[in-house]
Amino acid sequence: MPLLATHINYFFVCKRKLWLFSNGINMEHTSDTVYDGKMLHENSYPQRAQKHNEMELSAQYGDIELTGKIDFYDAATKTIHETKRSDKVETAHEWQAKFYIWLLELNGISDATATLEYPKLRQTNQVQFTETDRQRLQALVHEIREMIASENCPPRINSKICKSCSYFELCYVGE
């Protein structure tokens, strides 16, 4: 199974969500929040359809296949644009963008940058990518692979973000 940018994101949001998603339990299709995010992505920057391209990437890192789908990539400026609904899990968004920069590097495209865009907040954040980040991602993909291969589902995190998670009902059934 390839390691997706979604896995990177979920690692920083909730290890339980990562494990459930990776083990075939997918709840996003029932989530109004996920649907709202898709609509935001499709409608926030209508001019991009002509200027920028959505980009699917894959690369091999040792025996691990890495894949990701960048919202918009401007090849002229080597800029990744990721549209996000909220900045509540900004660290997860940053690491997902760093993963995309690393994927571009593994495909021979160096010096790329990333911008996180929060249209509802009218805010953008630049993502920096360092050698330390590259090393962290190299270790992280192995850690994630071990985590999702485990037979034990991690415990729920009991966080404020749980209430808007597509896995909420599954995690809190019986309470």
Protein backbone atom coordinates (compact mmCIF):
# COMPACT_ATOMS: atom_id res chain seq x y z
CA MET A 1 0.00 0.00 0.00
CA PRO A 2 1.44 3.40 -0.92
CA LEU A 3 2.00 6.00 1.75
CA LEU A 4 -0.20 9.00 0.95
CA ALA A 5 0.01 12.67 1.83
CA THR A 6 -3.22 11.99 3.74
CA HIS A 7 -1.27 9.63 6.01
CA ILE A 8 1.17 12.44 6.81
CA ASN A 9 -1.71 14.80 7.58
CA TYR A 10 -3.55 12.30 9.78
CA PHE A 11 -0.34 11.44 11.68
CA PHE A 12 -0.30 15.00 13.00
CA VAL A 13 -4.06 15.20 13.56
CA CYS A 14 -4.84 11.86 15.20
CA LYS A 15 -3.00 8.53 15.20
CA ARG A 16 -6.30 6.68 15.61
CA LYS A 17 -7.74 8.36 12.49
CA LEU A 18 -4.55 7.43 10.63
CA TRP A 19 -4.81 3.80 11.69
CA LEU A 20 -8.53 3.50 10.90
CA PHE A 21 -8.14 5.14 7.47
CA SER A 22 -5.11 3.00 6.65
CA ASN A 23 -6.93 -0.17 7.63
CA GLY A 24 -9.82 0.42 5.25
CA ILE A 25 -12.24 2.24 7.52
CA ASN A 26 -13.03 5.39 5.57
CA MET A 27 -15.61 7.79 6.96
CA GLU A 28 -14.87 10.88 4.83
CA HIS A 29 -17.65 10.09 2.37
CA THR A 30 -20.21 10.73 5.14
CA SER A 31 -18.71 13.99 6.39
CA ASP A 32 -20.26 17.40 5.76
CA THR A 33 -16.94 18.96 6.80
CA VAL A 34 -15.06 17.05 4.09
CA TYR A 35 -17.72 17.98 1.53
CA ASP A 36 -17.46 21.64 2.56
CA GLY A 37 -13.68 21.46 2.10
CA LYS A 38 -14.07 20.03 -1.40
CA MET A 39 -16.48 22.78 -2.37
CA LEU A 40 -14.11 25.39 -0.95
CA HIS A 41 -11.24 23.90 -2.96
CA GLU A 42 -13.27 23.87 -6.17
CA ASN A 43 -14.82 27.34 -5.84
CA SER A 44 -12.32 29.57 -4.02
CA TYR A 45 -9.94 30.25 -6.89
CA PRO A 46 -11.85 29.84 -10.19
CA GLN A 47 -9.11 31.58 -12.20
CA ARG A 48 -6.68 28.79 -11.38
CA ALA A 49 -8.25 26.32 -13.75
CA GLN A 50 -6.57 28.21 -16.58
CA LYS A 51 -3.26 29.07 -14.88
CA HIS A 52 -2.40 26.21 -12.56
CA ASN A 53 -2.53 22.46 -12.61
CA GLU A 54 -3.56 19.92 -10.05
CA MET A 55 -0.65 17.51 -9.84
CA GLU A 56 -0.42 13.86 -8.84
CA LEU A 57 3.02 12.69 -7.78
CA SER A 58 4.61 9.46 -6.77
CA ALA A 59 8.12 8.44 -5.86
CA GLN A 60 9.94 5.48 -4.41
CA TYR A 61 11.76 5.97 -1.11
CA GLY A 62 13.57 2.73 -0.44
CA ASP A 63 10.84 0.10 -0.47
CA ILE A 64 8.08 2.63 0.27
CA GLU A 65 5.91 4.06 -2.49
CA LEU A 66 4.99 7.67 -1.74
CA THR A 67 2.06 9.42 -3.45
CA GLY A 68 0.30 12.73 -3.21
CA LYS A 69 -2.09 15.02 -5.05
CA ILE A 70 -1.24 18.71 -4.90
CA ASP A 71 -4.24 21.05 -5.10
CA PHE A 72 -2.52 23.50 -7.44
CA TYR A 73 1.06 23.68 -8.65
CA ASP A 74 2.47 26.71 -10.42
CA ALA A 75 5.41 25.33 -12.39
CA ALA A 76 6.68 28.81 -13.35
CA THR A 77 7.28 29.78 -9.72
CA LYS A 78 7.63 26.22 -8.37
CA THR A 79 4.91 26.97 -5.85
CA ILE A 80 2.55 24.46 -4.29
CA HIS A 81 -0.83 25.94 -3.29
CA GLU A 82 -2.88 24.00 -0.77
CA THR A 83 -6.39 25.24 -0.03
CA LYS A 84 -7.61 24.44 3.47
CA ARG A 85 -10.91 25.03 5.22
CA SER A 86 -9.56 26.01 8.64
CA ASP A 87 -6.24 26.47 10.39
CA LYS A 88 -7.24 24.36 13.41
CA VAL A 89 -4.76 21.62 12.43
CA GLU A 90 -2.21 23.88 10.76
CA THR A 91 0.75 21.72 11.80
CA ALA A 92 -0.78 18.81 9.87
CA HIS A 93 -1.27 21.07 6.85
CA GLU A 94 2.35 22.26 7.05
CA TRP A 95 3.73 18.73 7.15
CA GLN A 96 1.50 17.67 4.27
CA ALA A 97 2.92 20.59 2.23
CA LYS A 98 6.46 19.64 3.26
CA PHE A 99 5.72 16.10 2.08
CA TYR A 100 4.72 17.52 -1.30
CA ILE A 101 7.94 19.54 -1.51
CA TRP A 102 9.89 16.37 -0.72
CA LEU A 103 7.94 14.43 -3.37
CA LEU A 104 8.82 17.10 -5.92
CA GLU A 105 12.49 16.78 -4.92
CA LEU A 106 12.33 13.01 -5.32
CA ASN A 107 11.01 13.68 -8.84
CA GLY A 108 13.89 16.02 -9.69
CA ILE A 109 12.17 19.36 -8.97
CA SER A 110 14.22 21.29 -6.43
CA ASP A 111 13.67 24.60 -4.65
CA ALA A 112 9.87 24.33 -4.60
CA THR A 113 7.92 26.32 -2.04
CA ALA A 114 4.45 25.92 -0.57
CA THR A 115 1.63 28.25 0.40
CA LEU A 116 -1.24 27.22 2.64
CA GLU A 117 -4.37 29.14 1.73
CA TYR A 118 -7.30 29.62 4.08
CA PRO A 119 -9.92 31.45 1.97
CA LYS A 120 -12.52 31.64 4.74
CA LEU A 121 -9.96 33.30 7.00
CA ARG A 122 -8.53 35.41 4.16
CA GLN A 123 -5.11 34.19 5.20
CA THR A 124 -2.09 32.57 3.57
CA ASN A 125 0.94 31.00 5.25
CA GLN A 126 4.27 30.20 3.66
CA VAL A 127 5.79 26.82 4.45
CA GLN A 128 9.54 26.57 4.87
CA PHE A 129 11.35 23.31 4.05
CA THR A 130 14.69 22.54 5.65
CA GLU A 131 17.16 19.68 5.75
CA THR A 132 15.81 18.89 9.22
CA ASP A 133 12.30 18.60 7.74
CA ARG A 134 13.58 16.24 5.05
CA GLN A 135 15.21 14.03 7.68
CA ARG A 136 12.04 14.10 9.80
CA LEU A 137 9.94 12.99 6.80
CA GLN A 138 12.39 10.20 6.02
CA ALA A 139 11.97 8.86 9.56
CA LEU A 140 8.26 9.63 9.62
CA VAL A 141 7.36 7.44 6.64
CA HIS A 142 8.88 4.44 8.43
CA GLU A 143 7.11 5.32 11.68
CA ILE A 144 3.76 5.65 9.89
CA ARG A 145 4.26 2.38 8.06
CA GLU A 146 4.92 0.59 11.35
CA MET A 147 1.94 2.26 13.00
CA ILE A 148 -0.54 1.29 10.29
CA ALA A 149 0.79 -2.28 10.19
CA SER A 150 0.13 -2.67 13.91
CA GLU A 151 -2.79 -4.86 14.93
CA ASN A 152 -3.67 -2.40 17.70
CA CYS A 153 -5.73 0.69 17.02
CA PRO A 154 -4.38 3.72 18.92
CA PRO A 155 -6.63 5.24 21.61
CA ARG A 156 -8.81 8.22 20.82
CA ILE A 157 -7.33 11.60 21.64
CA ASN A 158 -10.36 13.30 23.29
CA SER A 159 -9.65 16.67 21.68
CA LYS A 160 -11.86 19.60 20.66
CA ILE A 161 -11.23 18.67 17.02
CA CYS A 162 -12.90 15.29 17.53
CA LYS A 163 -16.39 16.81 17.32
CA SER A 164 -15.86 17.86 13.69
CA CYS A 165 -14.04 14.66 12.67
CA SER A 166 -15.67 12.25 10.23
CA TYR A 167 -14.70 9.40 12.61
CA PHE A 168 -16.41 10.99 15.65
CA GLU A 169 -19.36 8.60 15.81
CA LEU A 170 -17.12 5.58 15.37
CA CYS A 171 -14.75 6.69 18.14
CA TYR A 172 -17.47 7.72 20.58
CA VAL A 173 -20.09 5.04 19.94
CA GLY A 174 -21.64 3.90 23.21
CA GLU A 175 -20.92 7.11 25.12
